[in-house]
């Protein structure tokens, strides 16, 4: 198992933050934690984008999920199998206040 950590730095779907890239091989994402470090609630939107695709609504897995102040949302009921260079991208209502911790294993 490995861990990837990032802050969501973008508020615009025109330039979302890539929080994980499955590289150099395929991987299985086991859990994703979204931690709101701010004193106010923040909305988070997340996409899983296959390598070579352009981000679109068909890739969205969470839309404007509100995470309360200082709260954490865990996404881990299913494993996400990702191909080489597939990405997880996200935006948040406030920059650099939502940390993303991803647990994954190469397959």
N, C-alpha and C. Protein backbone atom coordinates (compact mmCIF):
# COMPACT_ATOMS: atom_id res chain seq x y z
N UNK A 1 0.84 -1.18 0.00
CA UNK A 1 0.00 0.00 0.00
C UNK A 1 0.88 1.24 0.00
N UNK A 2 0.39 2.25 -0.68
CA UNK A 2 1.08 3.53 -0.74
C UNK A 2 0.08 4.64 -0.43
N UNK A 3 0.62 5.83 -0.14
CA UNK A 3 -0.19 6.99 0.21
C UNK A 3 0.21 8.15 -0.68
N UNK A 4 -0.78 8.90 -1.16
CA UNK A 4 -0.58 10.13 -1.92
C UNK A 4 -1.34 11.23 -1.19
N UNK A 5 -0.71 12.39 -1.00
CA UNK A 5 -1.37 13.50 -0.31
C UNK A 5 -1.27 14.77 -1.15
N UNK A 6 -2.33 15.58 -1.10
CA UNK A 6 -2.38 16.84 -1.83
C UNK A 6 -3.37 17.78 -1.16
N UNK A 7 -3.25 19.07 -1.50
CA UNK A 7 -4.28 20.05 -1.18
C UNK A 7 -5.00 20.38 -2.48
N UNK A 8 -6.32 20.59 -2.40
CA UNK A 8 -7.06 21.00 -3.59
C UNK A 8 -6.84 22.50 -3.77
N UNK A 9 -6.11 22.86 -4.84
CA UNK A 9 -5.70 24.24 -5.05
C UNK A 9 -6.60 24.99 -6.02
N UNK A 10 -7.56 24.32 -6.64
CA UNK A 10 -8.37 24.96 -7.67
C UNK A 10 -9.83 25.08 -7.25
N UNK A 11 -10.46 26.17 -7.67
CA UNK A 11 -11.90 26.37 -7.46
C UNK A 11 -12.67 26.31 -8.77
N UNK A 12 -11.97 26.04 -9.88
CA UNK A 12 -12.59 26.08 -11.20
C UNK A 12 -12.49 24.74 -11.92
N UNK A 13 -13.62 24.27 -12.47
CA UNK A 13 -13.58 23.03 -13.23
C UNK A 13 -12.81 23.18 -14.53
N UNK A 14 -12.50 24.43 -14.92
CA UNK A 14 -11.69 24.66 -16.12
C UNK A 14 -10.23 24.26 -15.87
N UNK A 15 -9.82 24.24 -14.60
CA UNK A 15 -8.44 23.86 -14.27
C UNK A 15 -8.40 23.16 -12.91
N UNK A 16 -9.00 21.97 -12.82
CA UNK A 16 -9.03 21.26 -11.53
C UNK A 16 -7.64 20.81 -11.08
N UNK A 17 -7.53 20.54 -9.81
CA UNK A 17 -6.29 20.01 -9.25
C UNK A 17 -6.24 18.50 -9.46
N UNK A 18 -5.16 18.00 -10.04
CA UNK A 18 -4.95 16.56 -10.15
C UNK A 18 -4.40 16.09 -8.81
N UNK A 19 -5.20 15.31 -8.09
CA UNK A 19 -4.79 14.86 -6.76
C UNK A 19 -4.16 13.47 -6.78
N UNK A 20 -4.30 12.76 -7.92
CA UNK A 20 -3.67 11.44 -8.04
C UNK A 20 -3.57 11.06 -9.51
N UNK A 21 -2.43 10.50 -9.88
CA UNK A 21 -2.23 9.93 -11.21
C UNK A 21 -1.75 8.50 -11.03
N UNK A 22 -2.42 7.57 -11.68
CA UNK A 22 -2.03 6.16 -11.60
C UNK A 22 -0.82 5.96 -12.51
N UNK A 23 0.34 5.98 -11.91
CA UNK A 23 1.57 5.90 -12.70
C UNK A 23 2.67 5.29 -11.85
N UNK A 24 3.54 4.50 -12.37
CA UNK A 24 3.74 4.16 -13.78
C UNK A 24 2.92 2.97 -14.24
N UNK A 25 2.02 2.44 -13.38
CA UNK A 25 1.26 1.24 -13.75
C UNK A 25 -0.18 1.40 -13.30
N UNK A 26 -0.98 0.37 -13.55
CA UNK A 26 -2.35 0.37 -13.07
C UNK A 26 -2.35 0.31 -11.54
N UNK A 27 -3.44 0.80 -10.93
CA UNK A 27 -3.50 0.78 -9.47
C UNK A 27 -4.93 0.56 -9.01
N UNK A 28 -5.06 0.21 -7.75
CA UNK A 28 -6.35 0.09 -7.09
C UNK A 28 -6.37 1.09 -5.94
N UNK A 29 -7.26 2.05 -6.03
CA UNK A 29 -7.43 3.03 -4.95
C UNK A 29 -8.36 2.40 -3.93
N UNK A 30 -7.88 2.34 -2.69
CA UNK A 30 -8.66 1.66 -1.65
C UNK A 30 -9.48 2.63 -0.80
N UNK A 31 -8.96 3.82 -0.55
CA UNK A 31 -9.66 4.81 0.26
C UNK A 31 -9.20 6.20 -0.14
N UNK A 32 -10.15 7.15 -0.09
CA UNK A 32 -9.81 8.56 -0.30
C UNK A 32 -10.42 9.34 0.86
N UNK A 33 -9.60 10.14 1.54
CA UNK A 33 -10.07 11.01 2.62
C UNK A 33 -10.00 12.45 2.14
N UNK A 34 -11.08 13.20 2.40
CA UNK A 34 -11.12 14.63 2.11
C UNK A 34 -11.30 15.33 3.46
N UNK A 35 -10.29 16.08 3.88
CA UNK A 35 -10.33 16.74 5.19
C UNK A 35 -10.42 18.25 5.00
N UNK A 36 -11.49 18.84 5.51
CA UNK A 36 -11.66 20.30 5.47
C UNK A 36 -10.92 20.89 6.66
N UNK A 37 -9.85 21.62 6.39
CA UNK A 37 -9.05 22.22 7.46
C UNK A 37 -9.49 23.64 7.79
N UNK A 38 -10.55 24.12 7.14
CA UNK A 38 -11.01 25.49 7.31
C UNK A 38 -12.04 25.58 8.43
N UNK A 39 -12.37 26.81 8.83
CA UNK A 39 -13.38 27.05 9.87
C UNK A 39 -14.77 27.21 9.28
N UNK A 40 -14.91 27.05 7.96
CA UNK A 40 -16.20 27.13 7.27
C UNK A 40 -16.40 25.88 6.42
N UNK A 41 -17.66 25.56 6.13
CA UNK A 41 -17.97 24.43 5.25
C UNK A 41 -17.45 24.72 3.84
N UNK A 42 -17.02 23.65 3.15
CA UNK A 42 -16.49 23.78 1.78
C UNK A 42 -17.11 22.69 0.92
N UNK A 43 -17.54 23.07 -0.30
CA UNK A 43 -18.04 22.11 -1.28
C UNK A 43 -16.89 21.55 -2.10
N UNK A 44 -16.95 20.24 -2.37
CA UNK A 44 -15.90 19.56 -3.12
C UNK A 44 -16.55 18.78 -4.27
N UNK A 45 -15.94 18.87 -5.46
CA UNK A 45 -16.36 18.10 -6.63
C UNK A 45 -15.17 17.29 -7.11
N UNK A 46 -15.42 16.01 -7.48
CA UNK A 46 -14.32 15.10 -7.84
C UNK A 46 -14.68 14.35 -9.12
N UNK A 47 -13.66 14.16 -9.96
CA UNK A 47 -13.79 13.38 -11.19
C UNK A 47 -12.71 12.31 -11.24
N UNK A 48 -13.02 11.18 -11.89
CA UNK A 48 -12.00 10.19 -12.26
C UNK A 48 -11.96 10.21 -13.78
N UNK A 49 -10.79 10.57 -14.32
CA UNK A 49 -10.67 10.79 -15.76
C UNK A 49 -9.72 9.76 -16.37
N UNK A 50 -10.23 8.92 -17.29
CA UNK A 50 -9.36 7.96 -17.97
C UNK A 50 -8.29 8.67 -18.79
N UNK A 51 -7.13 8.06 -18.89
CA UNK A 51 -6.03 8.60 -19.69
C UNK A 51 -6.51 8.89 -21.11
N UNK A 52 -6.24 10.09 -21.59
CA UNK A 52 -6.61 10.47 -22.94
C UNK A 52 -7.97 11.14 -23.06
N UNK A 53 -8.80 11.07 -22.01
CA UNK A 53 -10.11 11.72 -22.04
C UNK A 53 -10.01 13.16 -21.55
N UNK A 54 -10.98 13.96 -21.97
CA UNK A 54 -11.12 15.32 -21.48
C UNK A 54 -12.13 15.31 -20.35
N UNK A 55 -11.84 16.00 -19.26
CA UNK A 55 -12.72 16.04 -18.10
C UNK A 55 -14.14 16.45 -18.52
N UNK A 56 -15.13 15.71 -18.04
CA UNK A 56 -16.53 16.01 -18.33
C UNK A 56 -17.43 15.44 -17.26
N UNK A 57 -18.72 15.78 -17.35
CA UNK A 57 -19.68 15.30 -16.35
C UNK A 57 -19.73 13.79 -16.25
N UNK A 58 -19.41 13.10 -17.34
CA UNK A 58 -19.45 11.63 -17.32
C UNK A 58 -18.38 11.02 -16.42
N UNK A 59 -17.42 11.82 -15.98
CA UNK A 59 -16.34 11.34 -15.11
C UNK A 59 -16.56 11.70 -13.63
N UNK A 60 -17.62 12.45 -13.34
CA UNK A 60 -17.85 12.97 -12.00
C UNK A 60 -18.28 11.86 -11.05
N UNK A 61 -17.65 11.82 -9.86
CA UNK A 61 -18.06 10.85 -8.84
C UNK A 61 -18.65 11.53 -7.60
N UNK A 62 -18.37 12.84 -7.42
CA UNK A 62 -18.95 13.63 -6.34
C UNK A 62 -19.17 15.03 -6.88
N UNK A 63 -20.37 15.58 -6.66
CA UNK A 63 -20.65 16.94 -7.10
C UNK A 63 -21.06 17.81 -5.92
N UNK A 64 -20.25 18.82 -5.68
CA UNK A 64 -20.54 19.82 -4.64
C UNK A 64 -20.92 19.18 -3.30
N UNK A 65 -20.16 18.17 -2.91
CA UNK A 65 -20.37 17.55 -1.60
C UNK A 65 -19.90 18.53 -0.54
N UNK A 66 -20.76 18.91 0.37
CA UNK A 66 -20.39 19.84 1.43
C UNK A 66 -19.70 19.10 2.56
N UNK A 67 -18.49 19.54 2.88
CA UNK A 67 -17.75 19.00 4.01
C UNK A 67 -17.72 20.09 5.07
N UNK A 68 -18.31 19.81 6.22
CA UNK A 68 -18.39 20.81 7.28
C UNK A 68 -17.01 21.21 7.78
N UNK A 69 -16.95 22.35 8.44
CA UNK A 69 -15.70 22.86 8.99
C UNK A 69 -15.03 21.80 9.85
N UNK A 70 -13.74 21.62 9.64
CA UNK A 70 -12.87 20.70 10.39
C UNK A 70 -13.35 19.24 10.35
N UNK A 71 -14.16 18.90 9.36
CA UNK A 71 -14.68 17.53 9.24
C UNK A 71 -13.93 16.79 8.13
N UNK A 72 -14.08 15.46 8.12
CA UNK A 72 -13.45 14.61 7.10
C UNK A 72 -14.51 13.72 6.48
N UNK A 73 -14.44 13.59 5.14
CA UNK A 73 -15.30 12.67 4.41
C UNK A 73 -14.42 11.54 3.89
N UNK A 74 -14.83 10.30 4.14
CA UNK A 74 -14.08 9.13 3.67
C UNK A 74 -14.84 8.46 2.55
N UNK A 75 -14.14 8.21 1.45
CA UNK A 75 -14.71 7.55 0.27
C UNK A 75 -13.96 6.23 0.15
N UNK A 76 -14.61 5.12 0.52
CA UNK A 76 -13.87 3.87 0.50
C UNK A 76 -14.70 2.62 0.53
N UNK A 77 -15.98 2.74 0.17
CA UNK A 77 -16.83 1.55 0.20
C UNK A 77 -16.54 0.61 -0.97
N UNK A 78 -15.97 1.14 -2.04
CA UNK A 78 -15.60 0.34 -3.21
C UNK A 78 -14.16 0.63 -3.60
N UNK A 79 -13.50 -0.33 -4.19
CA UNK A 79 -12.15 -0.11 -4.72
C UNK A 79 -12.28 0.47 -6.12
N UNK A 80 -11.39 1.37 -6.48
CA UNK A 80 -11.41 1.99 -7.79
C UNK A 80 -10.21 1.48 -8.56
N UNK A 81 -10.44 0.73 -9.63
CA UNK A 81 -9.36 0.22 -10.45
C UNK A 81 -9.04 1.26 -11.52
N UNK A 82 -7.78 1.69 -11.55
CA UNK A 82 -7.38 2.75 -12.46
C UNK A 82 -6.31 2.25 -13.42
N UNK A 83 -6.47 2.62 -14.69
CA UNK A 83 -5.48 2.29 -15.71
C UNK A 83 -4.28 3.22 -15.61
N UNK A 84 -3.22 2.87 -16.29
CA UNK A 84 -2.01 3.69 -16.31
C UNK A 84 -2.34 5.10 -16.78
N UNK A 85 -1.92 6.09 -16.02
CA UNK A 85 -2.08 7.53 -16.30
C UNK A 85 -3.52 8.03 -16.17
N UNK A 86 -4.45 7.23 -15.65
CA UNK A 86 -5.76 7.76 -15.28
C UNK A 86 -5.55 8.71 -14.11
N UNK A 87 -6.46 9.70 -13.95
CA UNK A 87 -6.28 10.69 -12.89
C UNK A 87 -7.54 10.85 -12.05
N UNK A 88 -7.32 11.30 -10.81
CA UNK A 88 -8.40 11.78 -9.96
C UNK A 88 -8.18 13.28 -9.85
N UNK A 89 -9.21 14.06 -10.21
CA UNK A 89 -9.11 15.51 -10.23
C UNK A 89 -10.21 16.10 -9.35
N UNK A 90 -9.94 17.26 -8.74
CA UNK A 90 -10.90 17.84 -7.81
C UNK A 90 -10.84 19.35 -7.81
N UNK A 91 -11.97 19.95 -7.40
CA UNK A 91 -12.03 21.38 -7.10
C UNK A 91 -12.71 21.53 -5.75
N UNK A 92 -12.45 22.65 -5.09
CA UNK A 92 -13.07 22.95 -3.81
C UNK A 92 -13.48 24.42 -3.79
N UNK A 93 -14.44 24.74 -2.94
CA UNK A 93 -14.94 26.10 -2.85
C UNK A 93 -13.94 27.10 -2.31
N UNK A 94 -12.90 26.61 -1.64
CA UNK A 94 -11.83 27.46 -1.09
C UNK A 94 -10.51 26.78 -1.41
N UNK A 95 -9.54 27.55 -1.87
CA UNK A 95 -8.25 26.96 -2.25
C UNK A 95 -7.42 26.57 -1.04
N UNK A 96 -6.71 25.45 -1.19
CA UNK A 96 -5.72 24.97 -0.23
C UNK A 96 -6.24 24.76 1.19
N UNK A 97 -7.53 24.43 1.31
CA UNK A 97 -8.11 24.17 2.64
C UNK A 97 -8.68 22.76 2.76
N UNK A 98 -8.68 22.00 1.64
CA UNK A 98 -9.14 20.61 1.70
C UNK A 98 -7.95 19.72 1.35
N UNK A 99 -7.54 18.92 2.32
CA UNK A 99 -6.46 17.96 2.05
C UNK A 99 -7.08 16.66 1.55
N UNK A 100 -6.35 16.02 0.64
CA UNK A 100 -6.79 14.75 0.07
C UNK A 100 -5.71 13.72 0.35
N UNK A 101 -6.09 12.63 1.00
CA UNK A 101 -5.17 11.54 1.28
C UNK A 101 -5.73 10.30 0.59
N UNK A 102 -4.92 9.71 -0.28
CA UNK A 102 -5.35 8.57 -1.08
C UNK A 102 -4.49 7.38 -0.76
N UNK A 103 -5.14 6.27 -0.42
CA UNK A 103 -4.44 5.01 -0.19
C UNK A 103 -4.65 4.15 -1.43
N UNK A 104 -3.54 3.60 -1.96
CA UNK A 104 -3.64 2.81 -3.20
C UNK A 104 -2.55 1.73 -3.22
N UNK A 105 -2.76 0.79 -4.11
CA UNK A 105 -1.74 -0.24 -4.35
C UNK A 105 -1.60 -0.45 -5.85
N UNK A 106 -0.39 -0.68 -6.30
CA UNK A 106 -0.17 -0.98 -7.72
C UNK A 106 -0.66 -2.39 -8.02
N UNK A 107 -1.18 -2.58 -9.23
CA UNK A 107 -1.66 -3.92 -9.62
C UNK A 107 -1.04 -4.33 -10.93
